[in-house]
Amino acid sequence: MKWKRVYPLHLLVLPSVLILIIFQYIPMGGLVIAFQDYKPWFGIANSPWVGWDNFKFIFEYPDSKQVIWNTFIIAFSKIVAGLIVPFTFALLLNEIRVMFFKRTVQTIVYLPHFLSWVILGGILTDILSINSGLANQFITALGFEAIPFLQNGDWFRTTIIVSDIWKEFGFSTIVYLAAITSINPELYEAATSDGANRWQQVLHITIPSIVPIAVLLGALSLGNILNAGFDQVFNLYNPLVYSKGDIIDTFVYRQGILGSQFSFSTAFGLFKSVISTILLVIFYRLAYKYADYRIF
């Protein structure tokens, strides 16, 4: 009888499971070319095996260390800013008492999350163009020199980080607002009775109550320390900023797809995935220890 009750649910998830197996797990068999000198005309079965040579070449290749460093800097900056900005914004937004204005602001900052980087990349490229971009027209109108947002490596990193925060902080803010709404109102009533002002209530009640959520999100985000955002970087970068803006994912794309170095790029991608998995396990353990979060 139990099987008769649950089998429709199994049938319901079956298409999703099949899609996952076909498009996620079966292609993982191709990872064997990371240990081969893969030639498309020989195929996987006949390409010669080279063992760990492709992984050794990762650390011998001139650009590899810079690419790893770029990925770490961009990803870490996104994680830190992605925690601080929505945390602060949620505290400020929670203090607004005009509900119509509060909901309007929340909706406006939330909308960019639904736009793809293909669309936003085109918009930002036009706005930040050094010659005709709206931003630089405003800057030069004030008497300053135009800023090469997408042509200078240092400015490119800043642009990547700031634009990512602008796109995603509205979505993260909702998590903190939900945590704030779950705080027991009696705590605020008791604080008011004791003479605490709004700032003291925020400092001693609101912030301590949502810090565990921030710790949880931070711990989980650190598992993505080697994911700096392929979609975003790919749609904004150019050869002028490769030295500061090229990350592991874009580097693997250029070497593997454009450069036909299939084995080397697969080894680099596998190296990144293994390190990311290890970090994810570590930070899940930290999330369980300090925020009492567990998935199983």
Protein backbone atom coordinates (compact mmCIF):
# COMPACT_ATOMS: atom_id res chain seq x y z
CA MET A 1 0.00 0.00 0.00
CA LYS A 2 2.84 2.37 0.81
CA TRP A 3 4.34 1.87 -2.66
CA LYS A 4 0.99 2.68 -4.28
CA ARG A 5 0.92 6.00 -2.42
CA VAL A 6 4.46 7.11 -3.25
CA TYR A 7 5.05 5.80 -6.77
CA PRO A 8 3.22 8.74 -8.42
CA LEU A 9 5.70 11.03 -6.66
CA HIS A 10 8.60 8.98 -8.06
CA LEU A 11 7.13 9.25 -11.53
CA LEU A 12 6.81 13.01 -11.03
CA VAL A 13 10.55 13.45 -10.35
CA LEU A 14 11.65 10.85 -12.92
CA PRO A 15 12.01 13.33 -15.85
CA SER A 16 14.20 15.61 -13.72
CA VAL A 17 16.34 12.68 -12.63
CA LEU A 18 16.78 11.52 -16.23
CA ILE A 19 17.75 15.01 -17.36
CA LEU A 20 20.25 15.21 -14.49
CA ILE A 21 21.80 11.86 -15.40
CA ILE A 22 21.94 12.56 -19.15
CA PHE A 23 23.29 16.10 -19.03
CA GLN A 24 25.28 16.09 -15.77
CA TYR A 25 26.56 12.63 -14.90
CA ILE A 26 27.08 10.88 -18.24
CA PRO A 27 29.24 13.74 -19.64
CA MET A 28 31.51 13.36 -16.61
CA GLY A 29 32.88 10.28 -18.34
CA GLY A 30 34.73 12.68 -20.62
CA LEU A 31 36.94 13.72 -17.69
CA VAL A 32 39.26 10.88 -18.62
CA ILE A 33 40.77 13.10 -21.33
CA ALA A 34 42.38 15.08 -18.50
CA PHE A 35 44.76 12.11 -18.22
CA GLN A 36 45.27 11.76 -21.98
CA ASP A 37 46.87 13.62 -24.83
CA TYR A 38 43.44 13.79 -26.38
CA LYS A 39 43.12 14.07 -30.15
CA PRO A 40 39.59 14.31 -31.59
CA TRP A 41 40.49 12.17 -34.59
CA PHE A 42 41.70 9.37 -32.28
CA GLY A 43 38.80 9.64 -29.87
CA ILE A 44 38.84 8.88 -26.16
CA ALA A 45 39.49 5.16 -26.68
CA ASN A 46 42.63 5.59 -28.81
CA SER A 47 44.20 8.79 -27.45
CA PRO A 48 47.48 8.12 -25.59
CA TRP A 49 47.53 8.25 -21.80
CA VAL A 50 49.87 10.77 -20.17
CA GLY A 51 48.95 10.32 -16.51
CA TRP A 52 49.37 13.46 -14.41
CA ASP A 53 51.28 15.44 -17.03
CA ASN A 54 48.37 17.80 -17.77
CA PHE A 55 48.00 18.60 -14.08
CA LYS A 56 51.71 19.29 -13.76
CA PHE A 57 51.47 21.59 -16.76
CA ILE A 58 48.85 23.67 -14.91
CA PHE A 59 51.56 24.94 -12.56
CA GLU A 60 54.15 25.25 -15.32
CA TYR A 61 51.97 27.24 -17.72
CA PRO A 62 52.92 30.95 -17.52
CA ASP A 63 49.37 32.28 -17.12
CA SER A 64 47.96 29.65 -14.75
CA LYS A 65 49.01 31.24 -11.45
CA GLN A 66 47.74 34.65 -12.53
CA VAL A 67 44.41 33.16 -13.58
CA ILE A 68 44.00 31.39 -10.23
CA TRP A 69 44.93 34.59 -8.40
CA ASN A 70 42.45 36.63 -10.48
CA THR A 71 39.71 34.11 -9.71
CA PHE A 72 40.42 34.19 -6.00
CA ILE A 73 40.52 38.01 -5.77
CA ILE A 74 37.31 38.54 -7.76
CA ALA A 75 35.38 35.70 -6.06
CA PHE A 76 36.51 36.63 -2.54
CA SER A 77 35.66 40.31 -3.09
CA LYS A 78 32.22 39.34 -4.37
CA ILE A 79 31.61 37.11 -1.34
CA VAL A 80 32.65 39.76 1.21
CA ALA A 81 30.79 42.61 -0.46
CA GLY A 82 27.86 40.30 -1.13
CA LEU A 83 27.50 39.77 2.63
CA ILE A 84 28.09 43.32 3.86
CA VAL A 85 25.93 45.23 1.35
CA PRO A 86 22.64 43.28 1.68
CA PHE A 87 23.13 42.97 5.45
CA THR A 88 23.43 46.74 5.80
CA PHE A 89 20.69 47.46 3.27
CA ALA A 90 18.26 45.10 5.03
CA LEU A 91 18.85 46.92 8.33
CA LEU A 92 18.20 50.29 6.68
CA LEU A 93 15.17 49.07 4.74
CA ASN A 94 13.67 47.57 7.89
CA GLU A 95 13.63 51.00 9.52
CA ILE A 96 11.34 52.47 6.84
CA ARG A 97 7.83 52.81 8.21
CA VAL A 98 6.04 53.81 4.98
CA MET A 99 5.16 50.35 3.65
CA PHE A 100 4.41 51.47 0.09
CA PHE A 101 7.81 53.09 -0.25
CA LYS A 102 9.52 50.14 1.45
CA ARG A 103 7.96 47.59 -0.91
CA THR A 104 8.67 49.75 -3.95
CA VAL A 105 12.36 50.04 -3.07
CA GLN A 106 12.58 46.32 -2.34
CA THR A 107 11.04 45.49 -5.72
CA ILE A 108 13.32 47.87 -7.62
CA VAL A 109 16.55 46.50 -6.11
CA TYR A 110 15.29 42.92 -6.59
CA LEU A 111 14.56 43.23 -10.34
CA PRO A 112 18.17 43.07 -11.67
CA HIS A 113 18.46 39.54 -10.27
CA PHE A 114 16.13 38.30 -13.01
CA LEU A 115 18.19 39.77 -15.88
CA SER A 116 20.82 37.58 -17.51
CA TRP A 117 24.41 38.75 -17.89
CA VAL A 118 23.96 38.62 -21.65
CA ILE A 119 21.48 41.49 -21.36
CA LEU A 120 23.30 43.32 -18.58
CA GLY A 121 26.65 42.84 -20.33
CA GLY A 122 25.37 44.71 -23.38
CA ILE A 123 23.85 47.45 -21.24
CA LEU A 124 27.01 47.93 -19.17
CA THR A 125 29.22 47.89 -22.26
CA ASP A 126 27.21 50.77 -23.72
CA ILE A 127 26.99 52.73 -20.47
CA LEU A 128 30.68 52.31 -19.55
CA SER A 129 32.16 52.84 -23.03
CA ILE A 130 35.19 55.12 -22.77
CA ASN A 131 34.18 57.20 -25.79
CA SER A 132 30.40 57.39 -25.91
CA GLY A 133 29.25 55.79 -22.67
CA LEU A 134 26.77 57.67 -20.51
CA ALA A 135 28.96 57.29 -17.42
CA ASN A 136 32.05 58.79 -19.05
CA GLN A 137 30.04 61.56 -20.67
CA PHE A 138 28.91 62.58 -17.19
CA ILE A 139 32.45 62.28 -15.80
CA THR A 140 34.01 64.40 -18.58
CA ALA A 141 31.19 66.94 -18.25
CA LEU A 142 32.37 67.47 -14.66
CA GLY A 143 35.88 68.17 -15.94
CA PHE A 144 37.51 64.83 -15.18
CA GLU A 145 39.22 62.38 -17.54
CA ALA A 146 37.25 59.45 -18.92
CA ILE A 147 37.67 56.23 -16.92
CA PRO A 148 38.53 53.03 -18.84
CA PHE A 149 36.11 50.81 -16.92
CA LEU A 150 36.37 47.91 -19.37
CA GLN A 151 39.82 48.62 -20.83
CA ASN A 152 42.00 48.80 -17.70
CA GLY A 153 42.55 45.66 -15.62
CA ASP A 154 42.19 47.29 -12.19
CA TRP A 155 39.07 49.22 -13.19
CA PHE A 156 37.70 46.06 -14.81
CA ARG A 157 37.94 44.13 -11.54
CA THR A 158 36.16 46.93 -9.72
CA THR A 159 33.47 47.03 -12.40
CA ILE A 160 32.96 43.26 -12.18
CA ILE A 161 32.61 43.30 -8.39
CA VAL A 162 30.36 46.39 -8.18
CA SER A 163 28.07 45.30 -11.00
CA ASP A 164 27.67 41.84 -9.45
CA ILE A 165 26.73 43.36 -6.10
CA TRP A 166 24.25 45.69 -7.80
CA LYS A 167 22.63 42.73 -9.56
CA GLU A 168 22.38 40.34 -6.62
CA PHE A 169 22.20 42.32 -3.36
CA GLY A 170 18.42 42.80 -3.66
CA PHE A 171 17.91 39.03 -3.72
CA SER A 172 20.14 38.50 -0.68
CA THR A 173 18.39 41.33 1.16
CA ILE A 174 15.17 39.28 1.18
CA VAL A 175 16.88 36.57 3.23
CA TYR A 176 17.90 39.06 5.91
CA LEU A 177 14.50 40.75 5.92
CA ALA A 178 12.88 37.36 6.44
CA ALA A 179 15.21 36.75 9.38
CA ILE A 180 14.37 40.16 10.84
CA THR A 181 10.62 39.52 10.61
CA SER A 182 11.07 36.30 12.61
CA ILE A 183 12.50 38.19 15.62
CA ASN A 184 10.17 38.09 18.61
CA PRO A 185 8.40 41.53 18.83
CA GLU A 186 8.40 41.23 22.61
CA LEU A 187 12.14 41.85 22.59
CA TYR A 188 11.60 45.27 21.03
CA GLU A 189 8.73 46.03 23.42
CA ALA A 190 10.91 45.16 26.41
CA ALA A 191 13.75 47.28 25.03
CA THR A 192 11.40 50.23 24.50
CA SER A 193 10.14 49.89 28.07
CA ASP A 194 13.73 50.06 29.28
CA GLY A 195 14.27 53.28 27.33
CA ALA A 196 16.25 51.91 24.37
CA ASN A 197 16.11 54.05 21.23
CA ARG A 198 15.91 52.70 17.66
CA TRP A 199 19.68 52.58 17.22
CA GLN A 200 20.15 50.66 20.48
CA GLN A 201 17.42 48.22 19.49
CA VAL A 202 19.10 47.58 16.14
CA LEU A 203 22.52 47.23 17.78
CA HIS A 204 21.49 44.89 20.59
CA ILE A 205 18.50 43.00 19.15
CA THR A 206 18.30 43.08 15.34
CA ILE A 207 21.97 42.62 14.48
CA PRO A 208 22.67 39.77 16.97
CA SER A 209 19.51 38.01 15.78
CA ILE A 210 20.52 37.94 12.10
CA VAL A 211 24.27 37.37 12.56
CA PRO A 212 23.78 33.55 12.50
CA ILE A 213 22.13 33.90 9.06
CA ALA A 214 25.07 36.00 7.87
CA VAL A 215 27.51 33.38 9.19
CA LEU A 216 25.57 30.64 7.43
CA LEU A 217 25.46 32.49 4.10
CA GLY A 218 29.13 33.38 4.41
CA ALA A 219 30.17 29.80 5.13
CA LEU A 220 28.16 28.47 2.20
CA SER A 221 29.44 31.22 -0.11
CA LEU A 222 33.07 30.35 0.62
CA GLY A 223 32.51 27.05 -1.16
CA ASN A 224 32.32 29.14 -4.35
CA ILE A 225 35.68 30.83 -3.80
CA LEU A 226 36.87 29.54 -7.20
CA ASN A 227 33.65 30.51 -9.01
CA ALA A 228 34.08 34.14 -10.00
CA GLY A 229 31.15 34.24 -12.44
CA PHE A 230 31.80 32.98 -15.97
CA ASP A 231 28.67 34.56 -17.50
CA GLN A 232 29.52 38.00 -16.20
CA VAL A 233 33.22 38.03 -17.03
CA PHE A 234 32.71 36.42 -20.43
CA ASN A 235 30.20 39.07 -21.49
CA LEU A 236 32.33 42.00 -20.30
CA TYR A 237 36.01 41.15 -20.71
CA ASN A 238 38.32 41.63 -23.69
CA PRO A 239 42.01 40.98 -24.48
CA LEU A 240 43.03 44.28 -22.87
CA VAL A 241 42.08 43.01 -19.40
CA TYR A 242 43.11 39.35 -19.59
CA SER A 243 45.97 39.95 -17.15
CA LYS A 244 43.61 41.10 -14.37
CA GLY A 245 40.19 39.83 -15.45
CA ASP A 246 40.77 36.34 -16.82
CA ILE A 247 39.38 33.71 -14.42
CA ILE A 248 39.63 29.92 -14.43
CA ASP A 249 36.35 29.36 -16.28
CA THR A 250 37.07 31.86 -19.07
CA PHE A 251 40.65 30.61 -19.31
CA VAL A 252 39.44 27.02 -19.68
CA TYR A 253 36.96 28.15 -22.35
CA ARG A 254 39.62 29.97 -24.37
CA GLN A 255 42.19 27.20 -24.07
CA GLY A 256 39.79 24.32 -24.63
CA ILE A 257 37.23 25.60 -27.13
CA LEU A 258 39.19 28.29 -28.94
CA GLY A 259 42.70 26.90 -28.48
CA SER A 260 41.83 23.20 -28.93
CA GLN A 261 43.90 22.23 -25.86
CA PHE A 262 41.23 19.81 -24.73
CA SER A 263 43.24 17.75 -22.27
CA PHE A 264 44.89 20.70 -20.56
CA SER A 265 41.64 22.66 -20.19
CA THR A 266 39.81 19.58 -18.88
CA ALA A 267 42.58 19.00 -16.33
CA PHE A 268 42.36 22.62 -15.22
CA GLY A 269 38.58 22.40 -14.90
CA LEU A 270 38.82 19.13 -12.95
CA PHE A 271 41.47 20.67 -10.67
CA LYS A 272 39.11 23.56 -9.91
CA SER A 273 36.17 21.22 -9.28
CA VAL A 274 38.11 19.05 -6.84
CA ILE A 275 39.36 22.06 -4.86
CA SER A 276 35.85 23.56 -4.83
CA THR A 277 34.38 20.28 -3.56
CA ILE A 278 36.91 20.10 -0.73
CA LEU A 279 36.22 23.70 0.25
CA LEU A 280 32.47 23.10 0.07
CA VAL A 281 32.72 20.15 2.47
CA ILE A 282 34.87 22.17 4.87
CA PHE A 283 32.54 25.15 4.90
CA TYR A 284 29.45 22.98 5.25
CA ARG A 285 31.07 21.62 8.40
CA LEU A 286 31.70 25.18 9.60
CA ALA A 287 28.11 26.12 8.83
CA TYR A 288 26.91 23.15 10.89
CA LYS A 289 29.25 24.00 13.76
CA TYR A 290 28.62 27.74 14.00
CA ALA A 291 25.13 28.17 12.50
CA ASP A 292 23.60 24.74 13.22
CA TYR A 293 22.91 24.25 9.50
CA ARG A 294 22.83 20.83 7.93
CA ILE A 295 21.41 19.43 4.70
CA PHE A 296 21.14 15.84 5.92
